[in-house]
Amino acid sequence: MKLPKRAGDGPVAVELEAGKNYAWCTCGLSDNQPLCDGKHRGTGMSPNVFTAENTETKYLCACKLTVNQPFCDGSHK
């Protein structure tokens, strides 16, 4: 299987909490898209861990093509 796997065709809205850490799935295998659930183990990939700067809704990439990881930049189009 070629990784990263495309996990969706558009962004996923996620409610982020300021100061909290999140792990964005980079492999596309997670059942908890767009966040990591550990299915990357053994693939050589690892999640993109980030800390939310503000409490707000952000749109995270599901297609895995964004250059602005973990945020959607419209690459799915």
N, C-alpha and C. Protein backbone atom coordinates (compact mmCIF):
# COMPACT_ATOMS: atom_id res chain seq x y z
N MET A 1 0.84 -1.17 0.00
CA MET A 1 0.00 0.00 0.00
C MET A 1 0.89 1.24 0.00
N LYS A 2 0.56 2.20 -0.85
CA LYS A 2 1.30 3.44 -0.92
C LYS A 2 0.80 4.40 0.17
N LEU A 3 1.75 4.96 0.92
CA LEU A 3 1.41 5.91 1.97
C LEU A 3 2.00 7.27 1.62
N PRO A 4 1.35 8.34 1.98
CA PRO A 4 0.14 8.38 2.77
C PRO A 4 -1.09 8.02 1.95
N LYS A 5 -2.04 7.39 2.60
CA LYS A 5 -3.31 7.05 1.99
C LYS A 5 -4.22 8.28 2.07
N ARG A 6 -4.87 8.57 0.97
CA ARG A 6 -5.84 9.68 0.96
C ARG A 6 -7.02 9.28 1.84
N ALA A 7 -7.28 10.06 2.89
CA ALA A 7 -8.31 9.70 3.86
C ALA A 7 -9.61 10.47 3.65
N GLY A 8 -9.64 11.36 2.68
CA GLY A 8 -10.84 12.14 2.43
C GLY A 8 -10.63 13.09 1.27
N ASP A 9 -11.73 13.69 0.82
CA ASP A 9 -11.69 14.59 -0.32
C ASP A 9 -11.90 16.04 0.05
N GLY A 10 -11.84 16.33 1.32
CA GLY A 10 -12.02 17.70 1.78
C GLY A 10 -11.54 17.83 3.21
N PRO A 11 -11.51 19.04 3.73
CA PRO A 11 -11.03 19.25 5.09
C PRO A 11 -12.03 18.73 6.13
N VAL A 12 -11.52 18.53 7.34
CA VAL A 12 -12.34 18.08 8.46
C VAL A 12 -12.29 19.17 9.53
N ALA A 13 -13.45 19.67 9.91
CA ALA A 13 -13.52 20.69 10.96
C ALA A 13 -13.24 20.05 12.31
N VAL A 14 -12.31 20.64 13.06
CA VAL A 14 -11.95 20.12 14.38
C VAL A 14 -11.97 21.29 15.36
N GLU A 15 -12.63 21.08 16.48
CA GLU A 15 -12.66 22.07 17.55
C GLU A 15 -11.38 21.91 18.37
N LEU A 16 -10.50 22.89 18.30
CA LEU A 16 -9.23 22.85 19.02
C LEU A 16 -9.35 23.67 20.30
N GLU A 17 -8.61 23.23 21.32
CA GLU A 17 -8.59 23.92 22.61
C GLU A 17 -7.20 24.49 22.83
N ALA A 18 -7.11 25.78 23.11
CA ALA A 18 -5.84 26.46 23.29
C ALA A 18 -4.95 25.72 24.30
N GLY A 19 -3.69 25.52 23.92
CA GLY A 19 -2.72 24.87 24.79
C GLY A 19 -2.73 23.36 24.77
N LYS A 20 -3.71 22.76 24.12
CA LYS A 20 -3.82 21.30 24.07
C LYS A 20 -3.03 20.76 22.87
N ASN A 21 -2.40 19.59 23.07
CA ASN A 21 -1.65 18.93 22.00
C ASN A 21 -2.58 18.02 21.20
N TYR A 22 -2.33 17.99 19.89
CA TYR A 22 -3.09 17.15 18.97
C TYR A 22 -2.09 16.41 18.08
N ALA A 23 -2.47 15.23 17.63
CA ALA A 23 -1.62 14.44 16.73
C ALA A 23 -2.38 14.23 15.43
N TRP A 24 -1.97 14.97 14.39
CA TRP A 24 -2.60 14.87 13.07
C TRP A 24 -2.04 13.65 12.34
N CYS A 25 -2.92 12.82 11.82
CA CYS A 25 -2.54 11.61 11.09
C CYS A 25 -1.85 11.99 9.78
N THR A 26 -0.65 11.49 9.57
CA THR A 26 0.07 11.74 8.32
C THR A 26 0.02 10.56 7.36
N CYS A 27 -0.33 9.37 7.88
CA CYS A 27 -0.32 8.17 7.03
C CYS A 27 -1.63 7.92 6.32
N GLY A 28 -2.73 8.44 6.87
CA GLY A 28 -4.05 8.24 6.27
C GLY A 28 -4.74 6.97 6.71
N LEU A 29 -4.13 6.20 7.60
CA LEU A 29 -4.71 4.92 8.02
C LEU A 29 -5.62 5.01 9.25
N SER A 30 -5.57 6.10 9.97
CA SER A 30 -6.32 6.25 11.20
C SER A 30 -7.83 6.14 10.96
N ASP A 31 -8.51 5.47 11.88
CA ASP A 31 -9.98 5.42 11.85
C ASP A 31 -10.57 6.65 12.53
N ASN A 32 -9.71 7.50 13.08
CA ASN A 32 -10.11 8.69 13.81
C ASN A 32 -9.71 9.96 13.05
N GLN A 33 -9.82 9.94 11.72
CA GLN A 33 -9.40 11.05 10.88
C GLN A 33 -10.04 12.35 11.31
N PRO A 34 -9.29 13.42 11.28
CA PRO A 34 -7.93 13.56 10.77
C PRO A 34 -6.86 13.34 11.83
N LEU A 35 -7.26 12.87 13.01
CA LEU A 35 -6.32 12.68 14.10
C LEU A 35 -5.80 11.24 14.14
N CYS A 36 -4.63 11.09 14.71
CA CYS A 36 -3.94 9.80 14.78
C CYS A 36 -4.57 8.86 15.79
N ASP A 37 -4.64 7.57 15.44
CA ASP A 37 -5.07 6.55 16.39
C ASP A 37 -4.02 5.45 16.54
N GLY A 38 -2.81 5.69 16.02
CA GLY A 38 -1.71 4.74 16.19
C GLY A 38 -1.54 3.72 15.08
N LYS A 39 -2.39 3.75 14.05
CA LYS A 39 -2.30 2.75 12.98
C LYS A 39 -1.05 2.89 12.11
N HIS A 40 -0.29 3.98 12.31
CA HIS A 40 0.95 4.18 11.56
C HIS A 40 2.07 3.25 12.02
N ARG A 41 1.91 2.63 13.18
CA ARG A 41 2.97 1.78 13.74
C ARG A 41 3.42 0.75 12.71
N GLY A 42 4.73 0.70 12.50
CA GLY A 42 5.31 -0.24 11.55
C GLY A 42 5.41 0.30 10.13
N THR A 43 4.93 1.51 9.89
CA THR A 43 4.96 2.07 8.54
C THR A 43 6.17 2.98 8.32
N GLY A 44 6.85 3.36 9.40
CA GLY A 44 7.93 4.32 9.28
C GLY A 44 7.45 5.75 9.31
N MET A 45 6.15 5.95 9.44
CA MET A 45 5.58 7.29 9.51
C MET A 45 5.22 7.60 10.95
N SER A 46 5.05 8.88 11.24
CA SER A 46 4.62 9.30 12.57
C SER A 46 3.71 10.51 12.43
N PRO A 47 2.86 10.75 13.44
CA PRO A 47 1.92 11.86 13.34
C PRO A 47 2.63 13.21 13.45
N ASN A 48 1.95 14.23 13.01
CA ASN A 48 2.40 15.61 13.17
C ASN A 48 1.75 16.11 14.46
N VAL A 49 2.54 16.23 15.51
CA VAL A 49 2.03 16.68 16.79
C VAL A 49 2.15 18.20 16.86
N PHE A 50 1.04 18.84 17.23
CA PHE A 50 1.03 20.30 17.33
C PHE A 50 0.21 20.74 18.53
N THR A 51 0.47 21.95 18.96
CA THR A 51 -0.25 22.55 20.09
C THR A 51 -1.14 23.66 19.54
N ALA A 52 -2.41 23.60 19.89
CA ALA A 52 -3.36 24.63 19.44
C ALA A 52 -3.01 25.96 20.09
N GLU A 53 -2.93 26.99 19.28
CA GLU A 53 -2.62 28.33 19.79
C GLU A 53 -3.86 29.00 20.39
N ASN A 54 -5.02 28.70 19.81
CA ASN A 54 -6.27 29.32 20.25
C ASN A 54 -7.36 28.26 20.35
N THR A 55 -8.40 28.57 21.11
CA THR A 55 -9.59 27.73 21.12
C THR A 55 -10.43 28.19 19.94
N GLU A 56 -10.56 27.33 18.95
CA GLU A 56 -11.25 27.69 17.71
C GLU A 56 -11.47 26.46 16.85
N THR A 57 -12.29 26.63 15.83
CA THR A 57 -12.48 25.58 14.83
C THR A 57 -11.43 25.76 13.75
N LYS A 58 -10.71 24.71 13.44
CA LYS A 58 -9.73 24.73 12.36
C LYS A 58 -10.08 23.58 11.41
N TYR A 59 -9.68 23.72 10.17
CA TYR A 59 -9.94 22.71 9.16
C TYR A 59 -8.65 21.96 8.87
N LEU A 60 -8.64 20.68 9.27
CA LEU A 60 -7.46 19.85 9.10
C LEU A 60 -7.56 19.05 7.81
N CYS A 61 -6.43 18.83 7.20
CA CYS A 61 -6.34 18.14 5.92
C CYS A 61 -6.67 16.65 6.06
N ALA A 62 -7.44 16.13 5.14
CA ALA A 62 -7.74 14.70 5.09
C ALA A 62 -7.09 14.04 3.88
N CYS A 63 -6.79 14.84 2.84
CA CYS A 63 -6.22 14.25 1.62
C CYS A 63 -4.72 13.97 1.77
N LYS A 64 -4.08 14.58 2.77
CA LYS A 64 -2.66 14.42 3.10
C LYS A 64 -1.74 15.09 2.10
N LEU A 65 -2.26 15.97 1.24
CA LEU A 65 -1.45 16.64 0.23
C LEU A 65 -1.06 18.07 0.61
N THR A 66 -1.60 18.58 1.71
CA THR A 66 -1.34 19.96 2.10
C THR A 66 0.15 20.23 2.33
N VAL A 67 0.58 21.43 2.01
CA VAL A 67 1.95 21.84 2.33
C VAL A 67 1.95 22.64 3.63
N ASN A 68 0.76 22.86 4.20
CA ASN A 68 0.59 23.62 5.43
C ASN A 68 0.13 22.68 6.55
N GLN A 69 0.81 21.54 6.71
CA GLN A 69 0.39 20.53 7.68
C GLN A 69 0.24 21.13 9.06
N PRO A 70 -0.81 20.80 9.76
CA PRO A 70 -1.87 19.85 9.48
C PRO A 70 -3.11 20.48 8.83
N PHE A 71 -2.99 21.77 8.49
CA PHE A 71 -4.17 22.52 8.05
C PHE A 71 -4.42 22.40 6.55
N CYS A 72 -5.68 22.36 6.19
CA CYS A 72 -6.07 22.27 4.77
C CYS A 72 -5.61 23.52 4.03
N ASP A 73 -5.04 23.33 2.84
CA ASP A 73 -4.66 24.46 2.00
C ASP A 73 -5.33 24.39 0.63
N GLY A 74 -6.34 23.51 0.50
CA GLY A 74 -7.07 23.39 -0.75
C GLY A 74 -6.46 22.42 -1.74
N SER A 75 -5.40 21.71 -1.35
CA SER A 75 -4.74 20.76 -2.26
C SER A 75 -5.65 19.63 -2.72
N HIS A 76 -6.72 19.35 -1.95
CA HIS A 76 -7.64 18.27 -2.32
C HIS A 76 -8.38 18.58 -3.63
N LYS A 77 -8.40 19.83 -4.02
CA LYS A 77 -9.08 20.22 -5.24
C LYS A 77 -8.23 19.87 -6.43
